[in-house]
Each structure stands twice: as C-alpha cells, then as structure tokens.
C-alpha atoms as a PDB file:
ATOM      1  CA  MET A   1     243.379  55.778  92.792  1.00  0.00           C
ATOM      2  CA  ALA A   2     246.879  56.636  91.566  1.00  0.00           C
ATOM      3  CA  PRO A   3     248.657  54.114  89.324  1.00  0.00           C
ATOM      4  CA  GLY A   4     250.706  51.659  91.385  1.00  0.00           C
ATOM      5  CA  SER A   5     249.024  52.503  94.704  1.00  0.00           C
ATOM      6  CA  ARG A   6     247.385  49.745  96.709  1.00  0.00           C
ATOM      7  CA  ASP A   7     243.760  49.891  97.745  1.00  0.00           C
ATOM      8  CA  THR A   8     244.182  50.036 101.537  1.00  0.00           C
ATOM      9  CA  GLU A   9     240.723  48.598 102.086  1.00  0.00           C
ATOM     10  CA  LYS A  10     241.871  45.367 100.433  1.00  0.00           C
ATOM     11  CA  THR A  11     245.344  45.078 101.990  1.00  0.00           C
ATOM     12  CA  GLY A  12     246.237  44.450 105.603  1.00  0.00           C
ATOM     13  CA  ARG A  13     243.132  42.378 106.219  1.00  0.00           C
ATOM     14  CA  LEU A  14     241.669  38.907 106.093  1.00  0.00           C
ATOM     15  CA  ALA A  15     239.342  38.117 103.210  1.00  0.00           C
ATOM     16  CA  ALA A  16     238.916  34.403 104.009  1.00  0.00           C
ATOM     17  CA  VAL A  17     239.086  32.346 107.201  1.00  0.00           C
ATOM     18  CA  THR A  18     238.774  28.583 107.547  1.00  0.00           C
ATOM     19  CA  LEU A  19     239.354  26.069 110.301  1.00  0.00           C
ATOM     20  CA  ASP A  20     241.305  22.924 109.494  1.00  0.00           C
ATOM     21  CA  GLU A  21     238.602  20.248 109.476  1.00  0.00           C
ATOM     22  CA  ALA A  22     241.033  17.612 110.768  1.00  0.00           C
ATOM     23  CA  SER A  23     241.605  19.784 113.858  1.00  0.00           C
ATOM     24  CA  LEU A  24     237.923  20.042 114.731  1.00  0.00           C
ATOM     25  CA  GLY A  25     236.206  17.770 117.200  1.00  0.00           C
ATOM     26  CA  SER A  26     232.483  17.090 117.361  1.00  0.00           C
ATOM     27  CA  SER A  27     230.418  20.133 118.174  1.00  0.00           C
ATOM     28  CA  ASN A  28     226.976  21.220 119.203  1.00  0.00           C
ATOM     29  CA  ASP A  29     224.644  23.930 117.891  1.00  0.00           C
ATOM     30  CA  ASP A  30     226.077  26.597 120.227  1.00  0.00           C
ATOM     31  CA  ILE A  31     229.669  25.919 119.112  1.00  0.00           C
ATOM     32  CA  GLU A  32     228.705  25.883 115.418  1.00  0.00           C
ATOM     33  CA  HIS A  33     226.863  29.179 115.886  1.00  0.00           C
ATOM     34  CA  GLU A  34     229.939  30.737 117.569  1.00  0.00           C
ATOM     35  CA  ARG A  35     232.109  29.492 114.694  1.00  0.00           C
ATOM     36  CA  ARG A  36     229.872  30.894 111.946  1.00  0.00           C
ATOM     37  CA  VAL A  37     229.403  34.261 113.652  1.00  0.00           C
ATOM     38  CA  ALA A  38     233.111  34.682 114.450  1.00  0.00           C
ATOM     39  CA  ILE A  39     234.149  33.908 110.867  1.00  0.00           C
ATOM     40  CA  TYR A  40     231.462  36.163 109.393  1.00  0.00           C
ATOM     41  CA  ASP A  41     232.330  39.063 111.736  1.00  0.00           C
ATOM     42  CA  LEU A  42     236.053  38.553 111.204  1.00  0.00           C
ATOM     43  CA  ILE A  43     235.767  38.738 107.424  1.00  0.00           C
ATOM     44  CA  GLN A  44     233.474  41.777 107.589  1.00  0.00           C
ATOM     45  CA  GLU A  45     235.839  43.841 109.720  1.00  0.00           C
ATOM     46  CA  ASN A  46     239.431  43.131 110.680  1.00  0.00           C
ATOM     47  CA  LYS A  47     242.970  44.387 110.744  1.00  0.00           C
ATOM     48  CA  PHE A  48     245.469  41.622 109.988  1.00  0.00           C
ATOM     49  CA  ARG A  49     248.878  41.905 108.378  1.00  0.00           C
ATOM     50  CA  PRO A  50     251.863  39.583 108.775  1.00  0.00           C
ATOM     51  CA  LEU A  51     254.816  41.735 109.821  1.00  0.00           C
ATOM     52  CA  GLY A  52     257.248  42.312 106.991  1.00  0.00           C
ATOM     53  CA  HIS A  53     254.621  41.592 104.346  1.00  0.00           C
ATOM     54  CA  ASP A  54     252.765  44.379 102.556  1.00  0.00           C
ATOM     55  CA  GLY A  55     250.438  42.286 100.416  1.00  0.00           C
ATOM     56  CA  GLY A  56     246.969  41.111 101.050  1.00  0.00           C
ATOM     57  CA  PRO A  57     244.217  40.606 101.428  1.00  0.00           C
ATOM     58  CA  TYR A  58     244.976  37.338 103.185  1.00  0.00           C
ATOM     59  CA  ALA A  59     243.411  33.945 103.697  1.00  0.00           C
ATOM     60  CA  LEU A  60     243.904  32.304 107.076  1.00  0.00           C
ATOM     61  CA  GLU A  61     243.512  28.668 108.002  1.00  0.00           C
ATOM     62  CA  LEU A  62     243.602  27.932 111.724  1.00  0.00           C
ATOM     63  CA  GLY A  63     244.371  24.459 112.901  1.00  0.00           C
ATOM     64  CA  MET A  64     246.089  22.379 115.526  1.00  0.00           C
ATOM     65  CA  ARG A  65     249.109  20.139 115.148  1.00  0.00           C
ATOM     66  CA  GLY A  66     249.826  18.222 118.322  1.00  0.00           C
ATOM     67  CA  ASN A  67     250.145  20.786 121.099  1.00  0.00           C
ATOM     68  CA  ARG A  68     250.509  23.716 118.738  1.00  0.00           C
ATOM     69  CA  LEU A  69     248.135  26.198 117.193  1.00  0.00           C
ATOM     70  CA  VAL A  70     248.849  26.799 113.481  1.00  0.00           C
ATOM     71  CA  PHE A  71     248.169  30.094 111.707  1.00  0.00           C
ATOM     72  CA  ASP A  72     248.631  29.251 108.006  1.00  0.00           C
ATOM     73  CA  ILE A  73     248.549  32.543 106.105  1.00  0.00           C
ATOM     74  CA  HIS A  74     248.248  32.839 102.314  1.00  0.00           C
ATOM     75  CA  GLU A  75     247.429  35.507  99.792  1.00  0.00           C
ATOM     76  CA  THR A  76     243.853  34.983  98.589  1.00  0.00           C
ATOM     77  CA  ASP A  77     245.244  33.588  95.317  1.00  0.00           C
ATOM     78  CA  GLY A  78     246.837  30.747  97.323  1.00  0.00           C
ATOM     79  CA  THR A  79     250.385  32.098  97.384  1.00  0.00           C
ATOM     80  CA  PRO A  80     251.901  31.078 100.745  1.00  0.00           C
ATOM     81  CA  VAL A  81     252.903  33.953 103.011  1.00  0.00           C
ATOM     82  CA  ILE A  82     253.910  32.281 106.284  1.00  0.00           C
ATOM     83  CA  ALA A  83     252.793  29.723 108.829  1.00  0.00           C
ATOM     84  CA  HIS A  84     253.135  30.426 112.546  1.00  0.00           C
ATOM     85  CA  MET A  85     253.001  27.687 115.147  1.00  0.00           C
ATOM     86  CA  LEU A  86     252.189  28.744 118.695  1.00  0.00           C
ATOM     87  CA  SER A  87     252.161  26.722 121.883  1.00  0.00           C
ATOM     88  CA  LEU A  88     248.673  26.003 123.196  1.00  0.00           C
ATOM     89  CA  ALA A  89     249.876  26.141 126.820  1.00  0.00           C
ATOM     90  CA  PRO A  90     249.041  29.846 127.380  1.00  0.00           C
ATOM     91  CA  PHE A  91     245.476  29.241 126.142  1.00  0.00           C
ATOM     92  CA  ARG A  92     244.546  26.086 128.067  1.00  0.00           C
ATOM     93  CA  ARG A  93     243.368  27.575 131.368  1.00  0.00           C
ATOM     94  CA  ILE A  94     241.505  30.483 129.817  1.00  0.00           C
ATOM     95  CA  VAL A  95     239.759  28.240 127.270  1.00  0.00           C
ATOM     96  CA  LYS A  96     238.721  25.775 129.990  1.00  0.00           C
ATOM     97  CA  ASP A  97     237.305  28.601 132.139  1.00  0.00           C
ATOM     98  CA  TYR A  98     235.627  30.141 129.093  1.00  0.00           C
ATOM     99  CA  PHE A  99     233.847  26.851 128.263  1.00  0.00           C
ATOM    100  CA  VAL A 100     232.572  26.493 131.838  1.00  0.00           C
ATOM    101  CA  VAL A 101     231.174  30.029 131.862  1.00  0.00           C
ATOM    102  CA  CYS A 102     229.716  29.699 128.340  1.00  0.00           C
ATOM    103  CA  ASP A 103     227.942  26.459 129.255  1.00  0.00           C
ATOM    104  CA  SER A 104     226.405  28.208 132.260  1.00  0.00           C
ATOM    105  CA  TYR A 105     225.546  31.248 130.146  1.00  0.00           C
ATOM    106  CA  TYR A 106     223.776  29.202 127.439  1.00  0.00           C
ATOM    107  CA  ALA A 107     221.818  27.288 130.088  1.00  0.00           C
ATOM    108  CA  ALA A 108     220.919  30.534 131.845  1.00  0.00           C
ATOM    109  CA  ILE A 109     219.579  32.103 128.656  1.00  0.00           C
ATOM    110  CA  ARG A 110     216.942  29.393 128.599  1.00  0.00           C
ATOM    111  CA  THR A 111     215.895  29.472 132.255  1.00  0.00           C
ATOM    112  CA  ALA A 112     217.561  32.110 134.461  1.00  0.00           C
ATOM    113  CA  THR A 113     216.623  35.613 135.551  1.00  0.00           C
ATOM    114  CA  PRO A 114     217.979  38.592 133.614  1.00  0.00           C
ATOM    115  CA  ASP A 115     220.312  39.468 136.519  1.00  0.00           C
ATOM    116  CA  ARG A 116     221.878  35.993 136.446  1.00  0.00           C
ATOM    117  CA  ILE A 117     222.245  36.110 132.653  1.00  0.00           C
ATOM    118  CA  GLU A 118     223.916  39.521 132.857  1.00  0.00           C
ATOM    119  CA  ALA A 119     226.359  38.354 135.557  1.00  0.00           C
ATOM    120  CA  LEU A 120     227.358  35.316 133.509  1.00  0.00           C
ATOM    121  CA  ASP A 121     227.688  37.434 130.379  1.00  0.00           C
ATOM    122  CA  MET A 122     230.019  39.835 132.190  1.00  0.00           C
ATOM    123  CA  GLY A 123     232.195  36.883 133.253  1.00  0.00           C
ATOM    124  CA  ARG A 124     232.126  35.484 129.728  1.00  0.00           C
ATOM    125  CA  ARG A 125     233.174  38.814 128.216  1.00  0.00           C
ATOM    126  CA  SER A 126     235.945  39.247 130.786  1.00  0.00           C
ATOM    127  CA  LEU A 127     237.403  35.822 129.948  1.00  0.00           C
ATOM    128  CA  HIS A 128     237.035  36.556 126.230  1.00  0.00           C
ATOM    129  CA  ASP A 129     238.970  39.808 126.676  1.00  0.00           C
ATOM    130  CA  GLU A 130     241.701  37.983 128.596  1.00  0.00           C
ATOM    131  CA  GLY A 131     241.985  35.374 125.847  1.00  0.00           C
ATOM    132  CA  SER A 132     242.126  38.133 123.232  1.00  0.00           C
ATOM    133  CA  ARG A 133     245.020  39.791 125.044  1.00  0.00           C
ATOM    134  CA  ILE A 134     246.857  36.437 125.002  1.00  0.00           C
ATOM    135  CA  VAL A 135     246.279  36.189 121.224  1.00  0.00           C
ATOM    136  CA  MET A 136     247.690  39.684 120.732  1.00  0.00           C
ATOM    137  CA  GLU A 137     250.686  38.962 122.971  1.00  0.00           C
ATOM    138  CA  ARG A 138     251.497  35.655 121.244  1.00  0.00           C
ATOM    139  CA  LEU A 139     251.256  37.216 117.757  1.00  0.00           C
ATOM    140  CA  LYS A 140     252.800  40.632 118.462  1.00  0.00           C
ATOM    141  CA  ARG A 141     256.115  39.904 116.715  1.00  0.00           C
ATOM    142  CA  ARG A 142     254.434  38.069 113.877  1.00  0.00           C
ATOM    143  CA  VAL A 143     251.149  39.723 112.907  1.00  0.00           C
ATOM    144  CA  GLU A 144     249.738  43.216 113.207  1.00  0.00           C
ATOM    145  CA  LEU A 145     246.126  43.014 114.386  1.00  0.00           C
ATOM    146  CA  ASP A 146     243.636  45.005 116.421  1.00  0.00           C
ATOM    147  CA  PHE A 147     241.760  43.952 119.569  1.00  0.00           C
ATOM    148  CA  ASP A 148     238.467  43.166 117.792  1.00  0.00           C
ATOM    149  CA  THR A 149     240.301  40.882 115.360  1.00  0.00           C
ATOM    150  CA  ALA A 150     242.040  39.189 118.306  1.00  0.00           C
ATOM    151  CA  ARG A 151     238.640  38.671 120.002  1.00  0.00           C
ATOM    152  CA  ARG A 152     237.253  36.895 116.958  1.00  0.00           C
ATOM    153  CA  LEU A 153     240.409  34.810 116.585  1.00  0.00           C
ATOM    154  CA  PHE A 154     240.125  33.791 120.247  1.00  0.00           C
ATOM    155  CA  THR A 155     236.575  32.597 119.568  1.00  0.00           C
ATOM    156  CA  LEU A 156     237.899  30.412 116.752  1.00  0.00           C
ATOM    157  CA  ILE A 157     240.692  29.091 118.976  1.00  0.00           C
ATOM    158  CA  THR A 158     238.062  28.021 121.505  1.00  0.00           C
ATOM    159  CA  VAL A 159     236.148  26.241 118.716  1.00  0.00           C
ATOM    160  CA  LEU A 160     239.334  24.323 117.864  1.00  0.00           C
ATOM    161  CA  HIS A 161     239.696  23.328 121.524  1.00  0.00           C
ATOM    162  CA  TRP A 162     236.144  21.995 121.713  1.00  0.00           C
ATOM    163  CA  LYS A 163     236.175  18.223 121.766  1.00  0.00           C
ATOM    164  CA  GLY A 164     232.487  17.635 122.487  1.00  0.00           C
END
C-alpha cells in the first residue's frame, strides 16, 4: 500500500454495531437470535459511510429517543462523527406487519407443511425488502449504504420496536 493511502477494506464500513440497551424492550429467543445474526452479518459485510466523511471504519449505536430512531455514528476510536435522528412514523406499519408475519413464520416452522412455510417466508422477505427500501430512502442524504446493509439495519430497527 502506498504511503498515505487508506486501506479501502477498513474505510467506508461498520466495524462495530450496538443497540442502546435503554431502548430495548423485553425479548424472546427468536428476537435475540435475529439481533445476534443481524449484528454478526452486518459487521462481516457492509457498506456504510456518512456522507461528507471519508474516515472509518465506523461504530454505530442504534437507539430510540421518544418517537425518533437515533443513528449515533463514531470512529472506532470513539471520536464522534455524527448522530442522525429519524422519525419512526415511516417504519411503524411495516414493522407491525413484519412482526405478524414473523410470528406466523416461526410458529409454522415448528408445525406447518413446507408449502405453508415457504409462503410465509416469501411474505416475510417481501416485507423485509420494503423496510430496507425505507431505510435507504430515509438515510439517502446522510449515509451511503448498500441494500444488504439496509436489510440488516432494518432487522435491528425491528428489534428496537419489539416490546415483548
């Protein structure tokens, strides 16, 4: 690597993701599993860069403050980069529908036929994609990210919405 050049594998990405513990409600095993998998997958592969900032890698803490979703972004050394607050209103319907379908999907895995499981999974994925597009739309003037990163962030947003 040339002197002064940045290692592109380490910049423009998330290296750490946490959820604000005060924002979390009670959960069940399925929700905790979704949380762990989403964070693991997100850290393994993502594209995430606050617009106007060429540093990184970044640490992200997601939380909720009142009726707002908070994206608190830092350098991994703790240096603050920016915090974005987004209205939760665009997410409410999709998250509610997603929970209903996921509950049915998890129940079906235990007892239903493969055709029923597949139908519910298709509905679940469709809602997940819709939620991911909302994440991308809401962050488009703030953060550069790809669709897979948005999908994992949507999963974490649903975890924050879960109130048990």
